[in-house]
Amino acid sequence: MCASPICHPQVVIVDNLSRRNIDVELGCESLTPIQSIQTRVKAWKEVSGKDIPFKNLDVAKDYEELVNFLKDEKPDAVVHFAEQRAAPYSMRRYVHPSL
């Protein structure tokens, strides 16, 4: 058995949950159902027996918090899966509080 962190990497989810929040704000649902982060983390624990930490962080807006997170965690790698869907934005009012 390998005891190296390379064989057993620790993963931390960092997300601001904007996709879910937009759906809630617009009162719509994705064609692909999106479970809550709590449900997804629980499901991972059930199938793997391991915890996966979650950090609610907007990496585009909270730069200082991101830097502090990276200093604390000292990751070997960062994988960025962020996406913004176009369709929900087409349903937003022209003048939106976040603009």
PDB file of N, CA and C in Angstrom:
ATOM      1  N   MET A   1       0.830  -1.190   0.000  1.00  0.00           N
ATOM      2  CA  MET A   1       0.000   0.000   0.000  1.00  0.00           C
ATOM      3  C   MET A   1       0.868   1.245   0.000  1.00  0.00           C
ATOM      4  N   CYS A   2       0.396   2.234  -0.678  1.00  0.00           N
ATOM      5  CA  CYS A   2       1.112   3.502  -0.792  1.00  0.00           C
ATOM      6  C   CYS A   2       0.640   4.453   0.301  1.00  0.00           C
ATOM      7  N   ALA A   3       1.566   4.990   1.066  1.00  0.00           N
ATOM      8  CA  ALA A   3       1.218   5.941   2.123  1.00  0.00           C
ATOM      9  C   ALA A   3       1.426   7.377   1.678  1.00  0.00           C
ATOM     10  N   SER A   4       1.938   7.560   0.486  1.00  0.00           N
ATOM     11  CA  SER A   4       2.230   8.895  -0.032  1.00  0.00           C
ATOM     12  C   SER A   4       0.945   9.672  -0.319  1.00  0.00           C
ATOM     13  N   PRO A   5       0.967  11.014  -0.107  1.00  0.00           N
ATOM     14  CA  PRO A   5      -0.195  11.838  -0.475  1.00  0.00           C
ATOM     15  C   PRO A   5      -0.516  11.748  -1.967  1.00  0.00           C
ATOM     16  N   ILE A   6       0.455  11.379  -2.776  1.00  0.00           N
ATOM     17  CA  ILE A   6       0.213  11.232  -4.210  1.00  0.00           C
ATOM     18  C   ILE A   6      -0.783  10.104  -4.459  1.00  0.00           C
ATOM     19  N   CYS A   7      -0.707   9.056  -3.667  1.00  0.00           N
ATOM     20  CA  CYS A   7      -1.623   7.922  -3.813  1.00  0.00           C
ATOM     21  C   CYS A   7      -2.994   8.208  -3.204  1.00  0.00           C
ATOM     22  N   HIS A   8      -3.040   9.107  -2.250  1.00  0.00           N
ATOM     23  CA  HIS A   8      -4.283   9.423  -1.540  1.00  0.00           C
ATOM     24  C   HIS A   8      -4.430  10.943  -1.423  1.00  0.00           C
ATOM     25  N   PRO A   9      -4.681  11.614  -2.553  1.00  0.00           N
ATOM     26  CA  PRO A   9      -4.751  13.078  -2.495  1.00  0.00           C
ATOM     27  C   PRO A   9      -5.961  13.563  -1.706  1.00  0.00           C
ATOM     28  N   GLN A  10      -5.790  14.659  -1.014  1.00  0.00           N
ATOM     29  CA  GLN A  10      -6.888  15.316  -0.307  1.00  0.00           C
ATOM     30  C   GLN A  10      -7.494  16.330  -1.263  1.00  0.00           C
ATOM     31  N   VAL A  11      -8.785  16.265  -1.417  1.00  0.00           N
ATOM     32  CA  VAL A  11      -9.495  17.177  -2.299  1.00  0.00           C
ATOM     33  C   VAL A  11     -10.335  18.112  -1.448  1.00  0.00           C
ATOM     34  N   VAL A  12     -10.362  19.387  -1.817  1.00  0.00           N
ATOM     35  CA  VAL A  12     -11.211  20.379  -1.170  1.00  0.00           C
ATOM     36  C   VAL A  12     -12.045  21.028  -2.268  1.00  0.00           C
ATOM     37  N   ILE A  13     -13.356  21.084  -2.080  1.00  0.00           N
ATOM     38  CA  ILE A  13     -14.226  21.764  -3.030  1.00  0.00           C
ATOM     39  C   ILE A  13     -14.276  23.239  -2.654  1.00  0.00           C
ATOM     40  N   VAL A  14     -13.989  24.100  -3.616  1.00  0.00           N
ATOM     41  CA  VAL A  14     -14.107  25.544  -3.432  1.00  0.00           C
ATOM     42  C   VAL A  14     -15.085  26.028  -4.489  1.00  0.00           C
ATOM     43  N   ASP A  15     -16.192  26.603  -4.041  1.00  0.00           N
ATOM     44  CA  ASP A  15     -17.242  27.025  -4.968  1.00  0.00           C
ATOM     45  C   ASP A  15     -18.056  28.122  -4.301  1.00  0.00           C
ATOM     46  N   ASN A  16     -18.615  29.010  -5.098  1.00  0.00           N
ATOM     47  CA  ASN A  16     -19.491  30.031  -4.526  1.00  0.00           C
ATOM     48  C   ASN A  16     -20.964  29.693  -4.735  1.00  0.00           C
ATOM     49  N   LEU A  17     -21.234  28.542  -5.328  1.00  0.00           N
ATOM     50  CA  LEU A  17     -22.589  28.028  -5.536  1.00  0.00           C
ATOM     51  C   LEU A  17     -23.451  28.969  -6.376  1.00  0.00           C
ATOM     52  N   SER A  18     -22.832  29.767  -7.225  1.00  0.00           N
ATOM     53  CA  SER A  18     -23.587  30.753  -8.003  1.00  0.00           C
ATOM     54  C   SER A  18     -24.599  30.102  -8.931  1.00  0.00           C
ATOM     55  N   ARG A  19     -24.265  28.968  -9.499  1.00  0.00           N
ATOM     56  CA  ARG A  19     -25.197  28.306 -10.412  1.00  0.00           C
ATOM     57  C   ARG A  19     -26.489  27.947  -9.686  1.00  0.00           C
ATOM     58  N   ARG A  20     -26.367  27.394  -8.511  1.00  0.00           N
ATOM     59  CA  ARG A  20     -27.557  27.039  -7.735  1.00  0.00           C
ATOM     60  C   ARG A  20     -28.317  28.302  -7.316  1.00  0.00           C
ATOM     61  N   ASN A  21     -27.577  29.327  -6.900  1.00  0.00           N
ATOM     62  CA  ASN A  21     -28.214  30.563  -6.447  1.00  0.00           C
ATOM     63  C   ASN A  21     -28.973  31.259  -7.576  1.00  0.00           C
ATOM     64  N   ILE A  22     -28.442  31.224  -8.790  1.00  0.00           N
ATOM     65  CA  ILE A  22     -29.128  31.826  -9.933  1.00  0.00           C
ATOM     66  C   ILE A  22     -30.435  31.095 -10.202  1.00  0.00           C
ATOM     67  N   ASP A  23     -30.405  29.778 -10.148  1.00  0.00           N
ATOM     68  CA  ASP A  23     -31.634  29.007 -10.364  1.00  0.00           C
ATOM     69  C   ASP A  23     -32.690  29.377  -9.322  1.00  0.00           C
ATOM     70  N   VAL A  24     -32.280  29.496  -8.072  1.00  0.00           N
ATOM     71  CA  VAL A  24     -33.213  29.864  -7.006  1.00  0.00           C
ATOM     72  C   VAL A  24     -33.756  31.267  -7.257  1.00  0.00           C
ATOM     73  N   GLU A  25     -32.865  32.196  -7.585  1.00  0.00           N
ATOM     74  CA  GLU A  25     -33.261  33.583  -7.829  1.00  0.00           C
ATOM     75  C   GLU A  25     -34.275  33.688  -8.964  1.00  0.00           C
ATOM     76  N   LEU A  26     -34.077  32.913 -10.017  1.00  0.00           N
ATOM     77  CA  LEU A  26     -34.958  32.978 -11.180  1.00  0.00           C
ATOM     78  C   LEU A  26     -36.176  32.078 -11.057  1.00  0.00           C
ATOM     79  N   GLY A  27     -36.200  31.251 -10.008  1.00  0.00           N
ATOM     80  CA  GLY A  27     -37.320  30.342  -9.826  1.00  0.00           C
ATOM     81  C   GLY A  27     -37.370  29.268 -10.905  1.00  0.00           C
ATOM     82  N   CYS A  28     -36.210  28.853 -11.359  1.00  0.00           N
ATOM     83  CA  CYS A  28     -36.166  27.823 -12.397  1.00  0.00           C
ATOM     84  C   CYS A  28     -35.284  26.669 -11.919  1.00  0.00           C
ATOM     85  N   GLU A  29     -35.320  25.605 -12.687  1.00  0.00           N
ATOM     86  CA  GLU A  29     -34.497  24.448 -12.369  1.00  0.00           C
ATOM     87  C   GLU A  29     -33.680  24.070 -13.587  1.00  0.00           C
ATOM     88  N   SER A  30     -32.533  23.532 -13.355  1.00  0.00           N
ATOM     89  CA  SER A  30     -31.676  23.065 -14.425  1.00  0.00           C
ATOM     90  C   SER A  30     -32.280  21.815 -15.054  1.00  0.00           C
ATOM     91  N   LEU A  31     -32.065  21.640 -16.365  1.00  0.00           N
ATOM     92  CA  LEU A  31     -32.497  20.403 -17.010  1.00  0.00           C
ATOM     93  C   LEU A  31     -31.757  19.211 -16.423  1.00  0.00           C
ATOM     94  N   THR A  32     -30.539  19.463 -15.966  1.00  0.00           N
ATOM     95  CA  THR A  32     -29.756  18.460 -15.256  1.00  0.00           C
ATOM     96  C   THR A  32     -29.889  18.779 -13.773  1.00  0.00           C
ATOM     97  N   PRO A  33     -30.606  17.980 -13.027  1.00  0.00           N
ATOM     98  CA  PRO A  33     -30.816  18.290 -11.605  1.00  0.00           C
ATOM     99  C   PRO A  33     -29.495  18.497 -10.864  1.00  0.00           C
ATOM    100  N   ILE A  34     -29.463  19.517 -10.038  1.00  0.00           N
ATOM    101  CA  ILE A  34     -28.269  19.843  -9.263  1.00  0.00           C
ATOM    102  C   ILE A  34     -28.620  19.656  -7.791  1.00  0.00           C
ATOM    103  N   GLN A  35     -27.999  18.674  -7.174  1.00  0.00           N
ATOM    104  CA  GLN A  35     -28.217  18.446  -5.751  1.00  0.00           C
ATOM    105  C   GLN A  35     -27.477  19.511  -4.948  1.00  0.00           C
ATOM    106  N   SER A  36     -27.929  19.753  -3.742  1.00  0.00           N
ATOM    107  CA  SER A  36     -27.245  20.711  -2.870  1.00  0.00           C
ATOM    108  C   SER A  36     -25.828  20.221  -2.588  1.00  0.00           C
ATOM    109  N   ILE A  37     -24.954  21.138  -2.226  1.00  0.00           N
ATOM    110  CA  ILE A  37     -23.580  20.751  -1.913  1.00  0.00           C
ATOM    111  C   ILE A  37     -23.558  19.811  -0.713  1.00  0.00           C
ATOM    112  N   GLN A  38     -24.458  20.011   0.241  1.00  0.00           N
ATOM    113  CA  GLN A  38     -24.510  19.139   1.409  1.00  0.00           C
ATOM    114  C   GLN A  38     -24.869  17.703   0.982  1.00  0.00           C
ATOM    115  N   THR A  39     -25.818  17.571   0.062  1.00  0.00           N
ATOM    116  CA  THR A  39     -26.213  16.250  -0.438  1.00  0.00           C
ATOM    117  C   THR A  39     -25.062  15.595  -1.184  1.00  0.00           C
ATOM    118  N   ARG A  40     -24.341  16.371  -1.975  1.00  0.00           N
ATOM    119  CA  ARG A  40     -23.243  15.825  -2.760  1.00  0.00           C
ATOM    120  C   ARG A  40     -22.081  15.384  -1.869  1.00  0.00           C
ATOM    121  N   VAL A  41     -21.768  16.184  -0.855  1.00  0.00           N
ATOM    122  CA  VAL A  41     -20.691  15.832   0.076  1.00  0.00           C
ATOM    123  C   VAL A  41     -21.079  14.570   0.855  1.00  0.00           C
ATOM    124  N   LYS A  42     -22.336  14.482   1.261  1.00  0.00           N
ATOM    125  CA  LYS A  42     -22.821  13.301   1.981  1.00  0.00           C
ATOM    126  C   LYS A  42     -22.743  12.060   1.088  1.00  0.00           C
ATOM    127  N   ALA A  43     -23.110  12.214  -0.189  1.00  0.00           N
ATOM    128  CA  ALA A  43     -23.056  11.087  -1.128  1.00  0.00           C
ATOM    129  C   ALA A  43     -21.618  10.600  -1.301  1.00  0.00           C
ATOM    130  N   TRP A  44     -20.670  11.534  -1.371  1.00  0.00           N
ATOM    131  CA  TRP A  44     -19.261  11.151  -1.494  1.00  0.00           C
ATOM    132  C   TRP A  44     -18.825  10.344  -0.274  1.00  0.00           C
ATOM    133  N   LYS A  45     -19.240  10.789   0.898  1.00  0.00           N
ATOM    134  CA  LYS A  45     -18.899  10.077   2.135  1.00  0.00           C
ATOM    135  C   LYS A  45     -19.477   8.664   2.111  1.00  0.00           C
ATOM    136  N   GLU A  46     -20.709   8.532   1.615  1.00  0.00           N
ATOM    137  CA  GLU A  46     -21.358   7.215   1.571  1.00  0.00           C
ATOM    138  C   GLU A  46     -20.644   6.245   0.631  1.00  0.00           C
ATOM    139  N   VAL A  47     -20.160   6.752  -0.521  1.00  0.00           N
ATOM    140  CA  VAL A  47     -19.527   5.839  -1.484  1.00  0.00           C
ATOM    141  C   VAL A  47     -18.040   5.626  -1.234  1.00  0.00           C
ATOM    142  N   SER A  48     -17.390   6.614  -0.601  1.00  0.00           N
ATOM    143  CA  SER A  48     -15.945   6.504  -0.416  1.00  0.00           C
ATOM    144  C   SER A  48     -15.519   6.251   1.022  1.00  0.00           C
ATOM    145  N   GLY A  49     -16.399   6.595   1.958  1.00  0.00           N
ATOM    146  CA  GLY A  49     -16.041   6.503   3.370  1.00  0.00           C
ATOM    147  C   GLY A  49     -15.164   7.662   3.819  1.00  0.00           C
ATOM    148  N   LYS A  50     -14.968   8.654   2.938  1.00  0.00           N
ATOM    149  CA  LYS A  50     -14.091   9.787   3.250  1.00  0.00           C
ATOM    150  C   LYS A  50     -14.867  11.097   3.206  1.00  0.00           C
ATOM    151  N   ASP A  51     -14.423  12.024   4.039  1.00  0.00           N
ATOM    152  CA  ASP A  51     -14.988  13.367   4.023  1.00  0.00           C
ATOM    153  C   ASP A  51     -14.330  14.171   2.910  1.00  0.00           C
ATOM    154  N   ILE A  52     -15.080  15.112   2.360  1.00  0.00           N
ATOM    155  CA  ILE A  52     -14.519  16.047   1.400  1.00  0.00           C
ATOM    156  C   ILE A  52     -14.907  17.447   1.880  1.00  0.00           C
ATOM    157  N   PRO A  53     -13.929  18.226   2.266  1.00  0.00           N
ATOM    158  CA  PRO A  53     -14.230  19.566   2.774  1.00  0.00           C
ATOM    159  C   PRO A  53     -14.807  20.470   1.685  1.00  0.00           C
ATOM    160  N   PHE A  54     -15.635  21.429   2.102  1.00  0.00           N
ATOM    161  CA  PHE A  54     -16.219  22.416   1.194  1.00  0.00           C
ATOM    162  C   PHE A  54     -15.945  23.804   1.723  1.00  0.00           C
ATOM    163  N   LYS A  55     -15.506  24.692   0.839  1.00  0.00           N
ATOM    164  CA  LYS A  55     -15.260  26.099   1.186  1.00  0.00           C
ATOM    165  C   LYS A  55     -16.088  26.958   0.237  1.00  0.00           C
ATOM    166  N   ASN A  56     -17.023  27.744   0.784  1.00  0.00           N
ATOM    167  CA  ASN A  56     -17.835  28.639  -0.031  1.00  0.00           C
ATOM    168  C   ASN A  56     -17.019  29.912  -0.268  1.00  0.00           C
ATOM    169  N   LEU A  57     -16.556  30.061  -1.507  1.00  0.00           N
ATOM    170  CA  LEU A  57     -15.650  31.160  -1.827  1.00  0.00           C
ATOM    171  C   LEU A  57     -15.815  31.555  -3.281  1.00  0.00           C
ATOM    172  N   ASP A  58     -15.973  32.843  -3.545  1.00  0.00           N
ATOM    173  CA  ASP A  58     -16.030  33.359  -4.911  1.00  0.00           C
ATOM    174  C   ASP A  58     -14.615  33.758  -5.304  1.00  0.00           C
ATOM    175  N   VAL A  59     -13.966  32.913  -6.075  1.00  0.00           N
ATOM    176  CA  VAL A  59     -12.549  33.139  -6.410  1.00  0.00           C
ATOM    177  C   VAL A  59     -12.361  34.367  -7.290  1.00  0.00           C
ATOM    178  N   ALA A  60     -13.416  34.821  -7.953  1.00  0.00           N
ATOM    179  CA  ALA A  60     -13.309  36.006  -8.807  1.00  0.00           C
ATOM    180  C   ALA A  60     -13.440  37.304  -8.010  1.00  0.00           C
ATOM    181  N   LYS A  61     -14.082  37.255  -6.852  1.00  0.00           N
ATOM    182  CA  LYS A  61     -14.328  38.469  -6.074  1.00  0.00           C
ATOM    183  C   LYS A  61     -13.555  38.529  -4.768  1.00  0.00           C
ATOM    184  N   ASP A  62     -13.272  37.385  -4.170  1.00  0.00           N
ATOM    185  CA  ASP A  62     -12.649  37.340  -2.845  1.00  0.00           C
ATOM    186  C   ASP A  62     -11.177  36.954  -2.963  1.00  0.00           C
ATOM    187  N   TYR A  63     -10.406  37.791  -3.645  1.00  0.00           N
ATOM    188  CA  TYR A  63      -9.010  37.464  -3.925  1.00  0.00           C
ATOM    189  C   TYR A  63      -8.204  37.239  -2.648  1.00  0.00           C
ATOM    190  N   GLU A  64      -8.349  38.129  -1.686  1.00  0.00           N
ATOM    191  CA  GLU A  64      -7.577  37.994  -0.445  1.00  0.00           C
ATOM    192  C   GLU A  64      -7.907  36.687   0.273  1.00  0.00           C
ATOM    193  N   GLU A  65      -9.185  36.342   0.307  1.00  0.00           N
ATOM    194  CA  GLU A  65      -9.583  35.084   0.944  1.00  0.00           C
ATOM    195  C   GLU A  65      -9.033  33.879   0.169  1.00  0.00           C
ATOM    196  N   LEU A  66      -9.027  33.990  -1.159  1.00  0.00           N
ATOM    197  CA  LEU A  66      -8.457  32.921  -1.985  1.00  0.00           C
ATOM    198  C   LEU A  66      -6.974  32.746  -1.689  1.00  0.00           C
ATOM    199  N   VAL A  67      -6.243  33.842  -1.637  1.00  0.00           N
ATOM    200  CA  VAL A  67      -4.800  33.773  -1.347  1.00  0.00           C
ATOM    201  C   VAL A  67      -4.571  33.145   0.023  1.00  0.00           C
ATOM    202  N   ASN A  68      -5.348  33.565   1.012  1.00  0.00           N
ATOM    203  CA  ASN A  68      -5.207  32.988   2.355  1.00  0.00           C
ATOM    204  C   ASN A  68      -5.531  31.499   2.350  1.00  0.00           C
ATOM    205  N   PHE A  69      -6.562  31.111   1.620  1.00  0.00           N
ATOM    206  CA  PHE A  69      -6.925  29.700   1.513  1.00  0.00           C
ATOM    207  C   PHE A  69      -5.763  28.908   0.904  1.00  0.00           C
ATOM    208  N   LEU A  70      -5.180  29.417  -0.175  1.00  0.00           N
ATOM    209  CA  LEU A  70      -4.070  28.726  -0.833  1.00  0.00           C
ATOM    210  C   LEU A  70      -2.842  28.650   0.075  1.00  0.00           C
ATOM    211  N   LYS A  71      -2.589  29.706   0.830  1.00  0.00           N
ATOM    212  CA  LYS A  71      -1.467  29.677   1.782  1.00  0.00           C
ATOM    213  C   LYS A  71      -1.692  28.637   2.874  1.00  0.00           C
ATOM    214  N   ASP A  72      -2.943  28.546   3.352  1.00  0.00           N
ATOM    215  CA  ASP A  72      -3.264  27.591   4.421  1.00  0.00           C
ATOM    216  C   ASP A  72      -3.229  26.146   3.922  1.00  0.00           C
ATOM    217  N   GLU A  73      -3.810  25.903   2.764  1.00  0.00           N
ATOM    218  CA  GLU A  73      -3.932  24.541   2.236  1.00  0.00           C
ATOM    219  C   GLU A  73      -2.669  24.044   1.535  1.00  0.00           C
ATOM    220  N   LYS A  74      -1.910  24.961   0.950  1.00  0.00           N
ATOM    221  CA  LYS A  74      -0.687  24.608   0.210  1.00  0.00           C
ATOM    222  C   LYS A  74      -0.940  23.451  -0.774  1.00  0.00           C
ATOM    223  N   PRO A  75      -1.866  23.655  -1.719  1.00  0.00           N
ATOM    224  CA  PRO A  75      -2.201  22.552  -2.626  1.00  0.00           C
ATOM    225  C   PRO A  75      -1.061  22.217  -3.589  1.00  0.00           C
ATOM    226  N   ASP A  76      -0.992  20.952  -3.970  1.00  0.00           N
ATOM    227  CA  ASP A  76      -0.046  20.519  -4.992  1.00  0.00           C
ATOM    228  C   ASP A  76      -0.567  20.874  -6.376  1.00  0.00           C
ATOM    229  N   ALA A  77      -1.892  20.989  -6.487  1.00  0.00           N
ATOM    230  CA  ALA A  77      -2.508  21.301  -7.773  1.00  0.00           C
ATOM    231  C   ALA A  77      -3.845  22.000  -7.534  1.00  0.00           C
ATOM    232  N   VAL A  78      -4.259  22.779  -8.519  1.00  0.00           N
ATOM    233  CA  VAL A  78      -5.563  23.425  -8.508  1.00  0.00           C
ATOM    234  C   VAL A  78      -6.239  23.094  -9.832  1.00  0.00           C
ATOM    235  N   VAL A  79      -7.452  22.596  -9.756  1.00  0.00           N
ATOM    236  CA  VAL A  79      -8.235  22.302 -10.955  1.00  0.00           C
ATOM    237  C   VAL A  79      -9.446  23.228 -10.921  1.00  0.00           C
ATOM    238  N   HIS A  80      -9.618  24.014 -11.958  1.00  0.00           N
ATOM    239  CA  HIS A  80     -10.680  25.017 -12.003  1.00  0.00           C
ATOM    240  C   HIS A  80     -11.774  24.544 -12.949  1.00  0.00           C
ATOM    241  N   PHE A  81     -12.946  24.208 -12.398  1.00  0.00           N
ATOM    242  CA  PHE A  81     -14.063  23.711 -13.199  1.00  0.00           C
ATOM    243  C   PHE A  81     -15.168  24.756 -13.355  1.00  0.00           C
ATOM    244  N   ALA A  82     -14.915  25.986 -12.987  1.00  0.00           N
ATOM    245  CA  ALA A  82     -15.970  27.002 -12.993  1.00  0.00           C
ATOM    246  C   ALA A  82     -16.605  27.134 -14.370  1.00  0.00           C
ATOM    247  N   GLU A  83     -17.887  27.376 -14.332  1.00  0.00           N
ATOM    248  CA  GLU A  83     -18.619  27.595 -15.572  1.00  0.00           C
ATOM    249  C   GLU A  83     -19.754  28.563 -15.302  1.00  0.00           C
ATOM    250  N   GLN A  84     -20.154  29.256 -16.311  1.00  0.00           N
ATOM    251  CA  GLN A  84     -21.343  30.096 -16.239  1.00  0.00           C
ATOM    252  C   GLN A  84     -22.237  29.711 -17.399  1.00  0.00           C
ATOM    253  N   ARG A  85     -23.433  29.333 -17.085  1.00  0.00           N
ATOM    254  CA  ARG A  85     -24.377  28.988 -18.138  1.00  0.00           C
ATOM    255  C   ARG A  85     -24.955  30.270 -18.726  1.00  0.00           C
ATOM    256  N   ALA A  86     -25.235  30.299 -19.995  1.00  0.00           N
ATOM    257  CA  ALA A  86     -25.751  31.498 -20.656  1.00  0.00           C
ATOM    258  C   ALA A  86     -27.263  31.644 -20.500  1.00  0.00           C
ATOM    259  N   ALA A  87     -28.005  30.555 -20.578  1.00  0.00           N
ATOM    260  CA  ALA A  87     -29.473  30.634 -20.600  1.00  0.00           C
ATOM    261  C   ALA A  87     -30.071  31.354 -19.392  1.00  0.00           C
ATOM    262  N   PRO A  88     -29.676  31.047 -18.154  1.00  0.00           N
ATOM    263  CA  PRO A  88     -30.298  31.753 -17.028  1.00  0.00           C
ATOM    264  C   PRO A  88     -30.075  33.264 -17.080  1.00  0.00           C
ATOM    265  N   TYR A  89     -28.932  33.687 -17.596  1.00  0.00           N
ATOM    266  CA  TYR A  89     -28.673  35.119 -17.667  1.00  0.00           C
ATOM    267  C   TYR A  89     -29.611  35.802 -18.644  1.00  0.00           C
ATOM    268  N   SER A  90     -30.066  35.104 -19.656  1.00  0.00           N
ATOM    269  CA  SER A  90     -30.986  35.706 -20.616  1.00  0.00           C
ATOM    270  C   SER A  90     -32.348  35.950 -19.986  1.00  0.00           C
ATOM    271  N   MET A  91     -32.625  35.311 -18.843  1.00  0.00           N
ATOM    272  CA  MET A  91     -33.916  35.475 -18.177  1.00  0.00           C
ATOM    273  C   MET A  91     -33.849  36.532 -17.071  1.00  0.00           C
ATOM    274  N   ARG A  92     -32.692  37.072 -16.802  1.00  0.00           N
ATOM    275  CA  ARG A  92     -32.553  38.076 -15.753  1.00  0.00           C
ATOM    276  C   ARG A  92     -33.051  39.424 -16.257  1.00  0.00           C
ATOM    277  N   ARG A  93     -33.533  40.231 -15.322  1.00  0.00           N
ATOM    278  CA  ARG A  93     -33.929  41.596 -15.669  1.00  0.00           C
ATOM    279  C   ARG A  93     -32.709  42.338 -16.196  1.00  0.00           C
ATOM    280  N   TYR A  94     -32.947  43.299 -17.058  1.00  0.00           N
ATOM    281  CA  TYR A  94     -31.843  44.078 -17.619  1.00  0.00           C
ATOM    282  C   TYR A  94     -31.058  44.771 -16.510  1.00  0.00           C
ATOM    283  N   VAL A  95     -31.758  45.405 -15.576  1.00  0.00           N
ATOM    284  CA  VAL A  95     -31.090  46.038 -14.443  1.00  0.00           C
ATOM    285  C   VAL A  95     -31.173  45.073 -13.280  1.00  0.00           C
ATOM    286  N   HIS A  96     -30.028  44.573 -12.891  1.00  0.00           N
ATOM    287  CA  HIS A  96     -29.970  43.576 -11.827  1.00  0.00           C
ATOM    288  C   HIS A  96     -29.149  44.137 -10.670  1.00  0.00           C
ATOM    289  N   PRO A  97     -29.527  43.851  -9.444  1.00  0.00           N
ATOM    290  CA  PRO A  97     -28.800  44.389  -8.286  1.00  0.00           C
ATOM    291  C   PRO A  97     -27.296  44.091  -8.307  1.00  0.00           C
ATOM    292  N   SER A  98     -26.892  42.991  -8.932  1.00  0.00           N
ATOM    293  CA  SER A  98     -25.465  42.664  -8.919  1.00  0.00           C
ATOM    294  C   SER A  98     -24.696  43.382 -10.023  1.00  0.00           C
ATOM    295  N   LEU A  99     -25.388  44.095 -10.900  1.00  0.00           N
ATOM    296  CA  LEU A  99     -24.679  44.789 -11.989  1.00  0.00           C
ATOM    297  C   LEU A  99     -24.271  46.169 -11.587  1.00  0.00           C
TER     298      LEU A  99
END
